[in-house]
Amino acid sequence: MSIKEFRELTDEELKARLAELRLRKFELTRQKAVGNLEHPEEIRSLRKDIARGETVRRERELSKKEAK
């Protein structure tokens, strides 16, 4: 996902999407440990997607604090 797509999500959708991504990363990491992972580059792209999502979450958190 691009940063633009993350910004279009609501807070609840963003939270759910991040949970999905983390679960998928966990599953792929487990597969890698067992030796059944076909596309190891997918872990890297998931890490980057999680970072993008966390960036948007943090931006929103800071903008709410500034509005007070």
C-alpha atoms as a PDB file:
ATOM      1  CA  MET A   1       0.000   0.000   0.000  1.00  0.00           C
ATOM      2  CA  SER A   2       1.105   3.522  -0.623  1.00  0.00           C
ATOM      3  CA  ILE A   3       1.104   6.248   2.003  1.00  0.00           C
ATOM      4  CA  LYS A   4      -1.780   7.872   0.127  1.00  0.00           C
ATOM      5  CA  GLU A   5      -3.905   4.743   0.524  1.00  0.00           C
ATOM      6  CA  PHE A   6      -3.153   4.648   4.260  1.00  0.00           C
ATOM      7  CA  ARG A   7      -4.183   8.291   4.627  1.00  0.00           C
ATOM      8  CA  GLU A   8      -7.542   7.563   2.990  1.00  0.00           C
ATOM      9  CA  LEU A   9      -8.432   5.015   5.686  1.00  0.00           C
ATOM     10  CA  THR A  10     -10.393   5.921   8.799  1.00  0.00           C
ATOM     11  CA  ASP A  11      -8.766   5.448  12.203  1.00  0.00           C
ATOM     12  CA  GLU A  12     -10.525   2.120  12.761  1.00  0.00           C
ATOM     13  CA  GLU A  13      -9.706   0.857   9.274  1.00  0.00           C
ATOM     14  CA  LEU A  14      -6.082   1.872   9.764  1.00  0.00           C
ATOM     15  CA  LYS A  15      -5.904   0.022  13.070  1.00  0.00           C
ATOM     16  CA  ALA A  16      -7.439  -3.106  11.498  1.00  0.00           C
ATOM     17  CA  ARG A  17      -5.129  -2.934   8.469  1.00  0.00           C
ATOM     18  CA  LEU A  18      -2.044  -2.652  10.681  1.00  0.00           C
ATOM     19  CA  ALA A  19      -3.189  -5.668  12.697  1.00  0.00           C
ATOM     20  CA  GLU A  20      -3.656  -7.622   9.445  1.00  0.00           C
ATOM     21  CA  LEU A  21      -0.190  -6.676   8.223  1.00  0.00           C
ATOM     22  CA  ARG A  22       1.449  -7.628  11.511  1.00  0.00           C
ATOM     23  CA  LEU A  23      -0.298 -10.994  11.526  1.00  0.00           C
ATOM     24  CA  ARG A  24       0.777 -11.662   7.940  1.00  0.00           C
ATOM     25  CA  LYS A  25       4.377 -10.700   8.801  1.00  0.00           C
ATOM     26  CA  PHE A  26       4.296 -13.072  11.771  1.00  0.00           C
ATOM     27  CA  GLU A  27       3.069 -15.908   9.566  1.00  0.00           C
ATOM     28  CA  LEU A  28       5.757 -15.271   6.950  1.00  0.00           C
ATOM     29  CA  THR A  29       8.486 -15.042   9.583  1.00  0.00           C
ATOM     30  CA  ARG A  30       7.332 -18.364  11.004  1.00  0.00           C
ATOM     31  CA  GLN A  31       7.372 -19.917   7.529  1.00  0.00           C
ATOM     32  CA  LYS A  32      10.884 -18.573   6.999  1.00  0.00           C
ATOM     33  CA  ALA A  33      12.066 -20.213  10.224  1.00  0.00           C
ATOM     34  CA  VAL A  34      10.634 -23.552   9.120  1.00  0.00           C
ATOM     35  CA  GLY A  35      12.040 -23.162   5.623  1.00  0.00           C
ATOM     36  CA  ASN A  36       8.775 -23.051   3.663  1.00  0.00           C
ATOM     37  CA  LEU A  37       8.902 -19.428   2.521  1.00  0.00           C
ATOM     38  CA  GLU A  38       8.738 -19.032  -1.257  1.00  0.00           C
ATOM     39  CA  HIS A  39       9.058 -15.231  -1.517  1.00  0.00           C
ATOM     40  CA  PRO A  40      11.309 -13.840   1.246  1.00  0.00           C
ATOM     41  CA  GLU A  41      11.117 -10.338  -0.254  1.00  0.00           C
ATOM     42  CA  GLU A  42       7.474 -10.194   0.859  1.00  0.00           C
ATOM     43  CA  ILE A  43       8.606  -9.809   4.488  1.00  0.00           C
ATOM     44  CA  ARG A  44      10.536  -6.683   3.557  1.00  0.00           C
ATOM     45  CA  SER A  45       7.565  -5.134   1.748  1.00  0.00           C
ATOM     46  CA  LEU A  46       5.311  -5.911   4.729  1.00  0.00           C
ATOM     47  CA  ARG A  47       7.752  -4.213   7.101  1.00  0.00           C
ATOM     48  CA  LYS A  48       7.672  -1.123   4.906  1.00  0.00           C
ATOM     49  CA  ASP A  49       3.856  -1.162   4.737  1.00  0.00           C
ATOM     50  CA  ILE A  50       3.675  -1.430   8.526  1.00  0.00           C
ATOM     51  CA  ALA A  51       6.063   1.524   8.832  1.00  0.00           C
ATOM     52  CA  ARG A  52       3.926   3.594   6.440  1.00  0.00           C
ATOM     53  CA  GLY A  53       0.804   2.785   8.426  1.00  0.00           C
ATOM     54  CA  GLU A  54       2.488   3.633  11.719  1.00  0.00           C
ATOM     55  CA  THR A  55       3.661   6.932  10.239  1.00  0.00           C
ATOM     56  CA  VAL A  56       0.091   7.883   9.332  1.00  0.00           C
ATOM     57  CA  ARG A  57      -1.156   6.785  12.770  1.00  0.00           C
ATOM     58  CA  ARG A  58       1.484   8.932  14.458  1.00  0.00           C
ATOM     59  CA  GLU A  59       0.722  11.928  12.223  1.00  0.00           C
ATOM     60  CA  ARG A  60      -2.921  11.727  13.256  1.00  0.00           C
ATOM     61  CA  GLU A  61      -2.020  11.362  16.906  1.00  0.00           C
ATOM     62  CA  LEU A  62       0.183  14.465  16.793  1.00  0.00           C
ATOM     63  CA  SER A  63      -2.384  16.506  14.876  1.00  0.00           C
ATOM     64  CA  LYS A  64      -4.994  15.698  17.550  1.00  0.00           C
ATOM     65  CA  LYS A  65      -2.611  16.878  20.286  1.00  0.00           C
ATOM     66  CA  GLU A  66      -1.896  20.122  18.428  1.00  0.00           C
ATOM     67  CA  ALA A  67      -5.603  20.815  17.988  1.00  0.00           C
ATOM     68  CA  LYS A  68      -6.099  20.874  21.762  1.00  0.00           C
END
